[in-house]
Amino acid sequence: MNKLEDYNIFVYMSISDLQLKLHQIIDQVNDPEILKAVHTLLNSQLEPVIKTADGFPISKIELDELLELSESDIQNGKTINQEDLKNEITTWRKK
């Protein structure tokens, strides 16, 4: 199998099948440097990259999900203009 065929297999694999395949490959790797590199790469997807206004950490995966939701809201017209936002903020301050 060549590199293009390898790539095409991954394009059509489900997430769970891909995860299983990665587990199988990792189980066969004995080079600690390779395993450390894979660990660093995968762990970077889970570590917090920012914090919310309340100080709660958000991982890259969670941030990507929030961005997708925001983009969906924009596509569906769930937005607010600046003047309405200013008025809404004013009501927050009165509470």
C-alpha atoms as a PDB file:
ATOM      1  CA  MET A   1       0.000   0.000   0.000  1.00  0.00           C
ATOM      2  CA  ASN A   2       1.356   3.461  -0.851  1.00  0.00           C
ATOM      3  CA  LYS A   3       1.021   6.704   1.135  1.00  0.00           C
ATOM      4  CA  LEU A   4      -1.991   7.909  -0.913  1.00  0.00           C
ATOM      5  CA  GLU A   5      -3.837   4.652  -0.280  1.00  0.00           C
ATOM      6  CA  ASP A   6      -3.032   4.931   3.444  1.00  0.00           C
ATOM      7  CA  TYR A   7      -4.446   8.460   3.463  1.00  0.00           C
ATOM      8  CA  ASN A   8      -7.628   7.433   1.647  1.00  0.00           C
ATOM      9  CA  ILE A   9      -8.280   4.683   4.191  1.00  0.00           C
ATOM     10  CA  PHE A  10      -8.163   7.248   7.005  1.00  0.00           C
ATOM     11  CA  VAL A  11     -10.489   9.637   5.162  1.00  0.00           C
ATOM     12  CA  TYR A  12     -13.272   7.049   5.171  1.00  0.00           C
ATOM     13  CA  MET A  13     -12.639   5.607   8.652  1.00  0.00           C
ATOM     14  CA  SER A  14     -14.970   6.406  11.520  1.00  0.00           C
ATOM     15  CA  ILE A  15     -13.494   8.129  14.561  1.00  0.00           C
ATOM     16  CA  SER A  16     -13.820   4.977  16.671  1.00  0.00           C
ATOM     17  CA  ASP A  17     -12.142   2.847  13.956  1.00  0.00           C
ATOM     18  CA  LEU A  18      -9.321   5.373  13.686  1.00  0.00           C
ATOM     19  CA  GLN A  19      -8.884   5.414  17.474  1.00  0.00           C
ATOM     20  CA  LEU A  20      -8.713   1.610  17.496  1.00  0.00           C
ATOM     21  CA  LYS A  21      -6.151   1.623  14.669  1.00  0.00           C
ATOM     22  CA  LEU A  22      -4.023   4.172  16.550  1.00  0.00           C
ATOM     23  CA  HIS A  23      -4.167   2.056  19.721  1.00  0.00           C
ATOM     24  CA  GLN A  24      -2.980  -0.952  17.728  1.00  0.00           C
ATOM     25  CA  ILE A  25      -0.109   1.003  16.193  1.00  0.00           C
ATOM     26  CA  ILE A  26       0.944   2.560  19.509  1.00  0.00           C
ATOM     27  CA  ASP A  27       0.931  -0.877  21.154  1.00  0.00           C
ATOM     28  CA  GLN A  28       3.564  -1.988  18.628  1.00  0.00           C
ATOM     29  CA  VAL A  29       5.889   1.009  19.039  1.00  0.00           C
ATOM     30  CA  ASN A  30       8.838   0.453  21.383  1.00  0.00           C
ATOM     31  CA  ASP A  31      10.774   3.666  20.794  1.00  0.00           C
ATOM     32  CA  PRO A  32      10.278   5.905  23.871  1.00  0.00           C
ATOM     33  CA  GLU A  33      11.053   9.073  21.860  1.00  0.00           C
ATOM     34  CA  ILE A  34       8.302   8.298  19.358  1.00  0.00           C
ATOM     35  CA  LEU A  35       5.869   7.516  22.169  1.00  0.00           C
ATOM     36  CA  LYS A  36       6.769  10.770  23.955  1.00  0.00           C
ATOM     37  CA  ALA A  37       6.215  12.711  20.731  1.00  0.00           C
ATOM     38  CA  VAL A  38       2.803  11.079  20.182  1.00  0.00           C
ATOM     39  CA  HIS A  39       1.896  11.744  23.811  1.00  0.00           C
ATOM     40  CA  THR A  40       2.860  15.417  23.503  1.00  0.00           C
ATOM     41  CA  LEU A  41       0.885  15.802  20.286  1.00  0.00           C
ATOM     42  CA  LEU A  42      -2.267  14.146  21.612  1.00  0.00           C
ATOM     43  CA  ASN A  43      -2.056  15.709  25.062  1.00  0.00           C
ATOM     44  CA  SER A  44      -1.864  19.182  23.522  1.00  0.00           C
ATOM     45  CA  GLN A  45      -5.446  18.659  22.357  1.00  0.00           C
ATOM     46  CA  LEU A  46      -6.633  18.156  25.942  1.00  0.00           C
ATOM     47  CA  GLU A  47      -4.688  20.754  27.896  1.00  0.00           C
ATOM     48  CA  PRO A  48      -6.417  24.066  28.641  1.00  0.00           C
ATOM     49  CA  VAL A  49      -5.529  26.781  26.174  1.00  0.00           C
ATOM     50  CA  ILE A  50      -7.588  29.615  27.666  1.00  0.00           C
ATOM     51  CA  LYS A  51      -9.762  30.371  30.670  1.00  0.00           C
ATOM     52  CA  THR A  52     -13.328  31.668  30.778  1.00  0.00           C
ATOM     53  CA  ALA A  53     -14.152  34.995  32.377  1.00  0.00           C
ATOM     54  CA  ASP A  54     -14.939  32.975  35.522  1.00  0.00           C
ATOM     55  CA  GLY A  55     -11.488  31.349  35.444  1.00  0.00           C
ATOM     56  CA  PHE A  56     -12.532  27.906  34.208  1.00  0.00           C
ATOM     57  CA  PRO A  57     -10.004  26.287  31.827  1.00  0.00           C
ATOM     58  CA  ILE A  58     -11.086  25.443  28.277  1.00  0.00           C
ATOM     59  CA  SER A  59      -9.206  22.859  26.191  1.00  0.00           C
ATOM     60  CA  LYS A  60      -8.550  23.249  22.475  1.00  0.00           C
ATOM     61  CA  ILE A  61     -11.223  20.651  21.754  1.00  0.00           C
ATOM     62  CA  GLU A  62     -13.789  22.535  23.876  1.00  0.00           C
ATOM     63  CA  LEU A  63     -12.756  25.819  22.275  1.00  0.00           C
ATOM     64  CA  ASP A  64     -13.209  24.337  18.799  1.00  0.00           C
ATOM     65  CA  GLU A  65     -16.688  23.101  19.809  1.00  0.00           C
ATOM     66  CA  LEU A  66     -17.625  26.555  21.119  1.00  0.00           C
ATOM     67  CA  LEU A  67     -16.388  28.146  17.895  1.00  0.00           C
ATOM     68  CA  GLU A  68     -18.480  25.726  15.828  1.00  0.00           C
ATOM     69  CA  LEU A  69     -21.556  26.611  17.906  1.00  0.00           C
ATOM     70  CA  SER A  70     -20.852  30.314  17.462  1.00  0.00           C
ATOM     71  CA  GLU A  71     -20.461  29.927  13.705  1.00  0.00           C
ATOM     72  CA  SER A  72     -23.719  27.978  13.597  1.00  0.00           C
ATOM     73  CA  ASP A  73     -25.473  30.759  15.542  1.00  0.00           C
ATOM     74  CA  ILE A  74     -24.184  33.325  13.044  1.00  0.00           C
ATOM     75  CA  GLN A  75     -25.314  31.183  10.088  1.00  0.00           C
ATOM     76  CA  ASN A  76     -28.783  30.890  11.674  1.00  0.00           C
ATOM     77  CA  GLY A  77     -29.081  34.611  12.339  1.00  0.00           C
ATOM     78  CA  LYS A  78     -28.758  34.267  16.113  1.00  0.00           C
ATOM     79  CA  THR A  79     -26.892  37.553  16.492  1.00  0.00           C
ATOM     80  CA  ILE A  80     -27.463  40.861  18.242  1.00  0.00           C
ATOM     81  CA  ASN A  81     -26.586  44.322  16.980  1.00  0.00           C
ATOM     82  CA  GLN A  82     -24.341  46.639  18.971  1.00  0.00           C
ATOM     83  CA  GLU A  83     -27.111  48.991  20.132  1.00  0.00           C
ATOM     84  CA  ASP A  84     -29.277  46.139  21.440  1.00  0.00           C
ATOM     85  CA  LEU A  85     -26.236  44.663  23.168  1.00  0.00           C
ATOM     86  CA  LYS A  86     -25.513  47.970  24.906  1.00  0.00           C
ATOM     87  CA  ASN A  87     -29.123  48.115  26.112  1.00  0.00           C
ATOM     88  CA  GLU A  88     -28.940  44.530  27.360  1.00  0.00           C
ATOM     89  CA  ILE A  89     -25.700  45.227  29.254  1.00  0.00           C
ATOM     90  CA  THR A  90     -27.358  48.227  30.884  1.00  0.00           C
ATOM     91  CA  THR A  91     -30.049  45.894  32.313  1.00  0.00           C
ATOM     92  CA  TRP A  92     -27.339  43.610  33.723  1.00  0.00           C
ATOM     93  CA  ARG A  93     -25.862  46.471  35.667  1.00  0.00           C
ATOM     94  CA  LYS A  94     -29.227  47.274  37.260  1.00  0.00           C
ATOM     95  CA  LYS A  95     -29.615  43.773  38.699  1.00  0.00           C
END
